[in-house]
Amino acid sequence: MLECQKRVEEKLDNPSSYVLGTKKGEDTVGMVDACKFAGEKVNHIAKVLGVYVRKAYRGQGKGRELMEAFDEPTCFRSTN
């Protein structure tokens, strides 16, 4: 668990990296991991590296909801 937490923290420190997650109470339902391309002509492009939905929440459209939320322009906001 600590290794996973460390990787997520490293991603959050990288301005080109994006992690979007959703929770239900204290349960993590799922997450999307992506990176945004650097450069003037491609800085509007992101590559999805992975989508994960916990087994208990699969088959309920949670992955689709995550990807739709990830597609929102407000998803890409700077925290720096």
PDB file of N, CA and C in Angstrom:
ATOM      1  N   MET A   1       0.825  -1.197   0.000  1.00  0.00           N
ATOM      2  CA  MET A   1       0.000   0.000   0.000  1.00  0.00           C
ATOM      3  C   MET A   1       0.867   1.258   0.000  1.00  0.00           C
ATOM      4  N   LEU A   2       1.947   1.260   0.746  1.00  0.00           N
ATOM      5  CA  LEU A   2       2.808   2.436   0.797  1.00  0.00           C
ATOM      6  C   LEU A   2       3.461   2.711  -0.546  1.00  0.00           C
ATOM      7  N   GLU A   3       3.831   1.659  -1.283  1.00  0.00           N
ATOM      8  CA  GLU A   3       4.440   1.835  -2.606  1.00  0.00           C
ATOM      9  C   GLU A   3       3.453   2.507  -3.562  1.00  0.00           C
ATOM     10  N   CYS A   4       2.218   2.078  -3.539  1.00  0.00           N
ATOM     11  CA  CYS A   4       1.178   2.663  -4.389  1.00  0.00           C
ATOM     12  C   CYS A   4       0.959   4.128  -4.014  1.00  0.00           C
ATOM     13  N   GLN A   5       0.887   4.414  -2.732  1.00  0.00           N
ATOM     14  CA  GLN A   5       0.690   5.786  -2.264  1.00  0.00           C
ATOM     15  C   GLN A   5       1.862   6.662  -2.705  1.00  0.00           C
ATOM     16  N   LYS A   6       3.062   6.129  -2.638  1.00  0.00           N
ATOM     17  CA  LYS A   6       4.252   6.879  -3.047  1.00  0.00           C
ATOM     18  C   LYS A   6       4.193   7.224  -4.540  1.00  0.00           C
ATOM     19  N   ARG A   7       3.780   6.252  -5.367  1.00  0.00           N
ATOM     20  CA  ARG A   7       3.672   6.499  -6.809  1.00  0.00           C
ATOM     21  C   ARG A   7       2.631   7.564  -7.110  1.00  0.00           C
ATOM     22  N   VAL A   8       1.499   7.526  -6.426  1.00  0.00           N
ATOM     23  CA  VAL A   8       0.454   8.530  -6.634  1.00  0.00           C
ATOM     24  C   VAL A   8       0.967   9.907  -6.222  1.00  0.00           C
ATOM     25  N   GLU A   9       1.665   9.992  -5.087  1.00  0.00           N
ATOM     26  CA  GLU A   9       2.208  11.273  -4.636  1.00  0.00           C
ATOM     27  C   GLU A   9       3.218  11.833  -5.640  1.00  0.00           C
ATOM     28  N   GLU A  10       4.051  10.965  -6.221  1.00  0.00           N
ATOM     29  CA  GLU A  10       5.009  11.405  -7.239  1.00  0.00           C
ATOM     30  C   GLU A  10       4.281  11.948  -8.463  1.00  0.00           C
ATOM     31  N   LYS A  11       3.204  11.289  -8.866  1.00  0.00           N
ATOM     32  CA  LYS A  11       2.421  11.759 -10.007  1.00  0.00           C
ATOM     33  C   LYS A  11       1.796  13.114  -9.707  1.00  0.00           C
ATOM     34  N   LEU A  12       1.301  13.287  -8.503  1.00  0.00           N
ATOM     35  CA  LEU A  12       0.659  14.550  -8.151  1.00  0.00           C
ATOM     36  C   LEU A  12       1.654  15.703  -8.112  1.00  0.00           C
ATOM     37  N   ASP A  13       2.921  15.414  -7.881  1.00  0.00           N
ATOM     38  CA  ASP A  13       3.959  16.448  -7.889  1.00  0.00           C
ATOM     39  C   ASP A  13       4.390  16.828  -9.300  1.00  0.00           C
ATOM     40  N   ASN A  14       4.033  16.027 -10.297  1.00  0.00           N
ATOM     41  CA  ASN A  14       4.420  16.276 -11.681  1.00  0.00           C
ATOM     42  C   ASN A  14       3.320  17.085 -12.374  1.00  0.00           C
ATOM     43  N   PRO A  15       3.627  18.301 -12.864  1.00  0.00           N
ATOM     44  CA  PRO A  15       2.589  19.135 -13.477  1.00  0.00           C
ATOM     45  C   PRO A  15       2.021  18.564 -14.783  1.00  0.00           C
ATOM     46  N   SER A  16       2.675  17.575 -15.385  1.00  0.00           N
ATOM     47  CA  SER A  16       2.170  16.950 -16.612  1.00  0.00           C
ATOM     48  C   SER A  16       1.352  15.696 -16.327  1.00  0.00           C
ATOM     49  N   SER A  17       1.248  15.322 -15.074  1.00  0.00           N
ATOM     50  CA  SER A  17       0.570  14.103 -14.689  1.00  0.00           C
ATOM     51  C   SER A  17      -0.776  14.425 -14.036  1.00  0.00           C
ATOM     52  N   TYR A  18      -1.773  13.620 -14.363  1.00  0.00           N
ATOM     53  CA  TYR A  18      -3.112  13.831 -13.820  1.00  0.00           C
ATOM     54  C   TYR A  18      -3.654  12.520 -13.281  1.00  0.00           C
ATOM     55  N   VAL A  19      -4.232  12.578 -12.104  1.00  0.00           N
ATOM     56  CA  VAL A  19      -4.903  11.431 -11.501  1.00  0.00           C
ATOM     57  C   VAL A  19      -6.271  11.928 -11.055  1.00  0.00           C
ATOM     58  N   LEU A  20      -7.297  11.283 -11.552  1.00  0.00           N
ATOM     59  CA  LEU A  20      -8.663  11.629 -11.180  1.00  0.00           C
ATOM     60  C   LEU A  20      -9.275  10.410 -10.528  1.00  0.00           C
ATOM     61  N   GLY A  21      -9.787  10.575  -9.337  1.00  0.00           N
ATOM     62  CA  GLY A  21     -10.374   9.444  -8.624  1.00  0.00           C
ATOM     63  C   GLY A  21     -11.757   9.774  -8.112  1.00  0.00           C
ATOM     64  N   THR A  22     -12.474   8.747  -7.753  1.00  0.00           N
ATOM     65  CA  THR A  22     -13.798   8.924  -7.178  1.00  0.00           C
ATOM     66  C   THR A  22     -13.937   7.997  -5.970  1.00  0.00           C
ATOM     67  N   LYS A  23     -14.669   8.476  -4.975  1.00  0.00           N
ATOM     68  CA  LYS A  23     -14.859   7.710  -3.751  1.00  0.00           C
ATOM     69  C   LYS A  23     -16.343   7.620  -3.419  1.00  0.00           C
ATOM     70  N   LYS A  24     -16.681   6.584  -2.689  1.00  0.00           N
ATOM     71  CA  LYS A  24     -18.009   6.443  -2.106  1.00  0.00           C
ATOM     72  C   LYS A  24     -17.774   6.213  -0.628  1.00  0.00           C
ATOM     73  N   GLY A  25     -18.046   7.220   0.162  1.00  0.00           N
ATOM     74  CA  GLY A  25     -17.683   7.162   1.578  1.00  0.00           C
ATOM     75  C   GLY A  25     -16.173   7.124   1.690  1.00  0.00           C
ATOM     76  N   GLU A  26     -15.645   6.128   2.357  1.00  0.00           N
ATOM     77  CA  GLU A  26     -14.194   5.967   2.489  1.00  0.00           C
ATOM     78  C   GLU A  26     -13.618   5.043   1.413  1.00  0.00           C
ATOM     79  N   ASP A  27     -14.492   4.413   0.617  1.00  0.00           N
ATOM     80  CA  ASP A  27     -14.066   3.487  -0.430  1.00  0.00           C
ATOM     81  C   ASP A  27     -13.625   4.236  -1.683  1.00  0.00           C
ATOM     82  N   THR A  28     -12.470   3.884  -2.206  1.00  0.00           N
ATOM     83  CA  THR A  28     -12.077   4.370  -3.524  1.00  0.00           C
ATOM     84  C   THR A  28     -12.808   3.515  -4.548  1.00  0.00           C
ATOM     85  N   VAL A  29     -13.585   4.161  -5.403  1.00  0.00           N
ATOM     86  CA  VAL A  29     -14.347   3.452  -6.425  1.00  0.00           C
ATOM     87  C   VAL A  29     -13.469   3.175  -7.635  1.00  0.00           C
ATOM     88  N   GLY A  30     -12.724   4.196  -8.073  1.00  0.00           N
ATOM     89  CA  GLY A  30     -11.874   4.027  -9.236  1.00  0.00           C
ATOM     90  C   GLY A  30     -11.033   5.252  -9.490  1.00  0.00           C
ATOM     91  N   MET A  31     -10.189   5.150 -10.534  1.00  0.00           N
ATOM     92  CA  MET A  31      -9.319   6.266 -10.870  1.00  0.00           C
ATOM     93  C   MET A  31      -8.883   6.193 -12.324  1.00  0.00           C
ATOM     94  N   VAL A  32      -8.519   7.364 -12.857  1.00  0.00           N
ATOM     95  CA  VAL A  32      -7.941   7.489 -14.191  1.00  0.00           C
ATOM     96  C   VAL A  32      -6.562   8.107 -14.003  1.00  0.00           C
ATOM     97  N   ASP A  33      -5.581   7.571 -14.705  1.00  0.00           N
ATOM     98  CA  ASP A  33      -4.207   8.065 -14.666  1.00  0.00           C
ATOM     99  C   ASP A  33      -3.861   8.534 -16.077  1.00  0.00           C
ATOM    100  N   ALA A  34      -3.371   9.770 -16.200  1.00  0.00           N
ATOM    101  CA  ALA A  34      -3.057  10.311 -17.524  1.00  0.00           C
ATOM    102  C   ALA A  34      -1.878  11.262 -17.451  1.00  0.00           C
ATOM    103  N   CYS A  35      -1.307  11.541 -18.619  1.00  0.00           N
ATOM    104  CA  CYS A  35      -0.254  12.544 -18.698  1.00  0.00           C
ATOM    105  C   CYS A  35      -0.589  13.494 -19.844  1.00  0.00           C
ATOM    106  N   LYS A  36      -0.263  14.737 -19.642  1.00  0.00           N
ATOM    107  CA  LYS A  36      -0.514  15.774 -20.633  1.00  0.00           C
ATOM    108  C   LYS A  36       0.779  16.028 -21.391  1.00  0.00           C
ATOM    109  N   PHE A  37       0.678  16.146 -22.706  1.00  0.00           N
ATOM    110  CA  PHE A  37       1.857  16.398 -23.522  1.00  0.00           C
ATOM    111  C   PHE A  37       2.341  17.827 -23.346  1.00  0.00           C
ATOM    112  N   ALA A  38       3.638  18.016 -23.421  1.00  0.00           N
ATOM    113  CA  ALA A  38       4.236  19.346 -23.316  1.00  0.00           C
ATOM    114  C   ALA A  38       4.526  19.863 -24.719  1.00  0.00           C
ATOM    115  N   GLY A  39       4.493  21.143 -24.870  1.00  0.00           N
ATOM    116  CA  GLY A  39       4.777  21.753 -26.160  1.00  0.00           C
ATOM    117  C   GLY A  39       3.607  22.586 -26.626  1.00  0.00           C
ATOM    118  N   GLU A  40       3.916  23.663 -27.286  1.00  0.00           N
ATOM    119  CA  GLU A  40       2.893  24.632 -27.685  1.00  0.00           C
ATOM    120  C   GLU A  40       1.790  24.024 -28.551  1.00  0.00           C
ATOM    121  N   LYS A  41       2.154  23.155 -29.479  1.00  0.00           N
ATOM    122  CA  LYS A  41       1.168  22.616 -30.413  1.00  0.00           C
ATOM    123  C   LYS A  41       0.434  21.386 -29.900  1.00  0.00           C
ATOM    124  N   VAL A  42       0.888  20.813 -28.814  1.00  0.00           N
ATOM    125  CA  VAL A  42       0.265  19.581 -28.311  1.00  0.00           C
ATOM    126  C   VAL A  42      -0.148  19.666 -26.842  1.00  0.00           C
ATOM    127  N   ASN A  43      -0.071  20.845 -26.242  1.00  0.00           N
ATOM    128  CA  ASN A  43      -0.368  20.939 -24.806  1.00  0.00           C
ATOM    129  C   ASN A  43      -1.846  20.763 -24.474  1.00  0.00           C
ATOM    130  N   HIS A  44      -2.688  20.605 -25.467  1.00  0.00           N
ATOM    131  CA  HIS A  44      -4.113  20.341 -25.247  1.00  0.00           C
ATOM    132  C   HIS A  44      -4.416  18.839 -25.299  1.00  0.00           C
ATOM    133  N   ILE A  45      -3.366  18.024 -25.495  1.00  0.00           N
ATOM    134  CA  ILE A  45      -3.542  16.583 -25.647  1.00  0.00           C
ATOM    135  C   ILE A  45      -3.058  15.856 -24.393  1.00  0.00           C
ATOM    136  N   ALA A  46      -3.860  14.886 -23.965  1.00  0.00           N
ATOM    137  CA  ALA A  46      -3.466  14.034 -22.841  1.00  0.00           C
ATOM    138  C   ALA A  46      -3.593  12.581 -23.263  1.00  0.00           C
ATOM    139  N   LYS A  47      -2.765  11.744 -22.693  1.00  0.00           N
ATOM    140  CA  LYS A  47      -2.801  10.309 -22.968  1.00  0.00           C
ATOM    141  C   LYS A  47      -3.241   9.584 -21.705  1.00  0.00           C
ATOM    142  N   VAL A  48      -4.292   8.798 -21.817  1.00  0.00           N
ATOM    143  CA  VAL A  48      -4.766   8.001 -20.685  1.00  0.00           C
ATOM    144  C   VAL A  48      -3.843   6.807 -20.537  1.00  0.00           C
ATOM    145  N   LEU A  49      -3.243   6.699 -19.366  1.00  0.00           N
ATOM    146  CA  LEU A  49      -2.319   5.603 -19.089  1.00  0.00           C
ATOM    147  C   LEU A  49      -3.034   4.407 -18.488  1.00  0.00           C
ATOM    148  N   GLY A  50      -4.139   4.663 -17.813  1.00  0.00           N
ATOM    149  CA  GLY A  50      -4.875   3.562 -17.216  1.00  0.00           C
ATOM    150  C   GLY A  50      -6.172   4.004 -16.575  1.00  0.00           C
ATOM    151  N   VAL A  51      -7.118   3.101 -16.520  1.00  0.00           N
ATOM    152  CA  VAL A  51      -8.399   3.315 -15.837  1.00  0.00           C
ATOM    153  C   VAL A  51      -8.597   2.107 -14.938  1.00  0.00           C
ATOM    154  N   TYR A  52      -8.942   2.362 -13.691  1.00  0.00           N
ATOM    155  CA  TYR A  52      -9.149   1.272 -12.738  1.00  0.00           C
ATOM    156  C   TYR A  52     -10.457   1.493 -11.992  1.00  0.00           C
ATOM    157  N   VAL A  53     -11.270   0.445 -11.925  1.00  0.00           N
ATOM    158  CA  VAL A  53     -12.496   0.459 -11.126  1.00  0.00           C
ATOM    159  C   VAL A  53     -12.447  -0.772 -10.238  1.00  0.00           C
ATOM    160  N   ARG A  54     -12.666  -0.558  -8.937  1.00  0.00           N
ATOM    161  CA  ARG A  54     -12.661  -1.695  -8.007  1.00  0.00           C
ATOM    162  C   ARG A  54     -13.729  -2.702  -8.390  1.00  0.00           C
ATOM    163  N   LYS A  55     -13.429  -3.953  -8.137  1.00  0.00           N
ATOM    164  CA  LYS A  55     -14.294  -5.062  -8.533  1.00  0.00           C
ATOM    165  C   LYS A  55     -15.750  -4.874  -8.079  1.00  0.00           C
ATOM    166  N   ALA A  56     -15.944  -4.401  -6.870  1.00  0.00           N
ATOM    167  CA  ALA A  56     -17.301  -4.237  -6.318  1.00  0.00           C
ATOM    168  C   ALA A  56     -18.132  -3.213  -7.087  1.00  0.00           C
ATOM    169  N   TYR A  57     -17.475  -2.336  -7.849  1.00  0.00           N
ATOM    170  CA  TYR A  57     -18.174  -1.264  -8.561  1.00  0.00           C
ATOM    171  C   TYR A  57     -18.197  -1.477 -10.073  1.00  0.00           C
ATOM    172  N   ARG A  58     -17.622  -2.557 -10.549  1.00  0.00           N
ATOM    173  CA  ARG A  58     -17.588  -2.820 -11.991  1.00  0.00           C
ATOM    174  C   ARG A  58     -18.977  -3.188 -12.508  1.00  0.00           C
ATOM    175  N   GLY A  59     -19.218  -2.895 -13.782  1.00  0.00           N
ATOM    176  CA  GLY A  59     -20.499  -3.204 -14.404  1.00  0.00           C
ATOM    177  C   GLY A  59     -21.591  -2.211 -14.078  1.00  0.00           C
ATOM    178  N   GLN A  60     -21.228  -1.093 -13.449  1.00  0.00           N
ATOM    179  CA  GLN A  60     -22.199  -0.075 -13.052  1.00  0.00           C
ATOM    180  C   GLN A  60     -21.990   1.254 -13.784  1.00  0.00           C
ATOM    181  N   GLY A  61     -21.111   1.248 -14.774  1.00  0.00           N
ATOM    182  CA  GLY A  61     -20.858   2.471 -15.535  1.00  0.00           C
ATOM    183  C   GLY A  61     -19.882   3.429 -14.873  1.00  0.00           C
ATOM    184  N   LYS A  62     -19.189   2.981 -13.829  1.00  0.00           N
ATOM    185  CA  LYS A  62     -18.267   3.863 -13.095  1.00  0.00           C
ATOM    186  C   LYS A  62     -17.058   4.259 -13.946  1.00  0.00           C
ATOM    187  N   GLY A  63     -16.549   3.335 -14.763  1.00  0.00           N
ATOM    188  CA  GLY A  63     -15.432   3.656 -15.647  1.00  0.00           C
ATOM    189  C   GLY A  63     -15.826   4.715 -16.663  1.00  0.00           C
ATOM    190  N   ARG A  64     -17.007   4.571 -17.214  1.00  0.00           N
ATOM    191  CA  ARG A  64     -17.523   5.557 -18.164  1.00  0.00           C
ATOM    192  C   ARG A  64     -17.677   6.920 -17.493  1.00  0.00           C
ATOM    193  N   GLU A  65     -18.208   6.933 -16.268  1.00  0.00           N
ATOM    194  CA  GLU A  65     -18.363   8.190 -15.528  1.00  0.00           C
ATOM    195  C   GLU A  65     -17.003   8.860 -15.293  1.00  0.00           C
ATOM    196  N   LEU A  66     -16.016   8.063 -14.953  1.00  0.00           N
ATOM    197  CA  LEU A  66     -14.671   8.608 -14.750  1.00  0.00           C
ATOM    198  C   LEU A  66     -14.122   9.219 -16.036  1.00  0.00           C
ATOM    199  N   MET A  67     -14.268   8.508 -17.144  1.00  0.00           N
ATOM    200  CA  MET A  67     -13.751   9.013 -18.411  1.00  0.00           C
ATOM    201  C   MET A  67     -14.509  10.260 -18.854  1.00  0.00           C
ATOM    202  N   GLU A  68     -15.808  10.326 -18.611  1.00  0.00           N
ATOM    203  CA  GLU A  68     -16.575  11.529 -18.950  1.00  0.00           C
ATOM    204  C   GLU A  68     -16.131  12.705 -18.097  1.00  0.00           C
ATOM    205  N   ALA A  69     -15.878  12.469 -16.817  1.00  0.00           N
ATOM    206  CA  ALA A  69     -15.397  13.541 -15.935  1.00  0.00           C
ATOM    207  C   ALA A  69     -13.997  13.977 -16.349  1.00  0.00           C
ATOM    208  N   PHE A  70     -13.184  13.021 -16.763  1.00  0.00           N
ATOM    209  CA  PHE A  70     -11.825  13.317 -17.195  1.00  0.00           C
ATOM    210  C   PHE A  70     -11.827  14.165 -18.460  1.00  0.00           C
ATOM    211  N   ASP A  71     -12.842  14.015 -19.274  1.00  0.00           N
ATOM    212  CA  ASP A  71     -12.949  14.741 -20.538  1.00  0.00           C
ATOM    213  C   ASP A  71     -13.390  16.194 -20.337  1.00  0.00           C
ATOM    214  N   GLU A  72     -13.839  16.539 -19.157  1.00  0.00           N
ATOM    215  CA  GLU A  72     -14.270  17.916 -18.885  1.00  0.00           C
ATOM    216  C   GLU A  72     -13.073  18.863 -18.877  1.00  0.00           C
ATOM    217  N   PRO A  73     -13.197  20.037 -19.507  1.00  0.00           N
ATOM    218  CA  PRO A  73     -12.075  20.998 -19.529  1.00  0.00           C
ATOM    219  C   PRO A  73     -11.600  21.408 -18.134  1.00  0.00           C
ATOM    220  N   THR A  74     -12.497  21.438 -17.166  1.00  0.00           N
ATOM    221  CA  THR A  74     -12.108  21.840 -15.814  1.00  0.00           C
ATOM    222  C   THR A  74     -11.265  20.793 -15.119  1.00  0.00           C
ATOM    223  N   CYS A  75     -11.192  19.600 -15.695  1.00  0.00           N
ATOM    224  CA  CYS A  75     -10.379  18.544 -15.104  1.00  0.00           C
ATOM    225  C   CYS A  75      -8.898  18.923 -15.136  1.00  0.00           C
ATOM    226  N   PHE A  76      -8.490  19.660 -16.143  1.00  0.00           N
ATOM    227  CA  PHE A  76      -7.087  20.041 -16.307  1.00  0.00           C
ATOM    228  C   PHE A  76      -6.868  21.429 -15.754  1.00  0.00           C
ATOM    229  N   ARG A  77      -6.699  21.510 -14.469  1.00  0.00           N
ATOM    230  CA  ARG A  77      -6.402  22.799 -13.861  1.00  0.00           C
ATOM    231  C   ARG A  77      -5.105  22.665 -13.084  1.00  0.00           C
ATOM    232  N   SER A  78      -4.359  23.700 -13.095  1.00  0.00           N
ATOM    233  CA  SER A  78      -3.053  23.682 -12.434  1.00  0.00           C
ATOM    234  C   SER A  78      -3.210  23.815 -10.933  1.00  0.00           C
ATOM    235  N   THR A  79      -2.406  23.054 -10.214  1.00  0.00           N
ATOM    236  CA  THR A  79      -2.394  23.183  -8.755  1.00  0.00           C
ATOM    237  C   THR A  79      -1.145  23.930  -8.306  1.00  0.00           C
ATOM    238  N   ASN A  80      -0.302  24.326  -9.253  1.00  0.00           N
ATOM    239  CA  ASN A  80       0.952  25.034  -8.922  1.00  0.00           C
ATOM    240  C   ASN A  80       0.757  26.532  -9.013  1.00  0.00           C
TER     241      ASN A  80
END
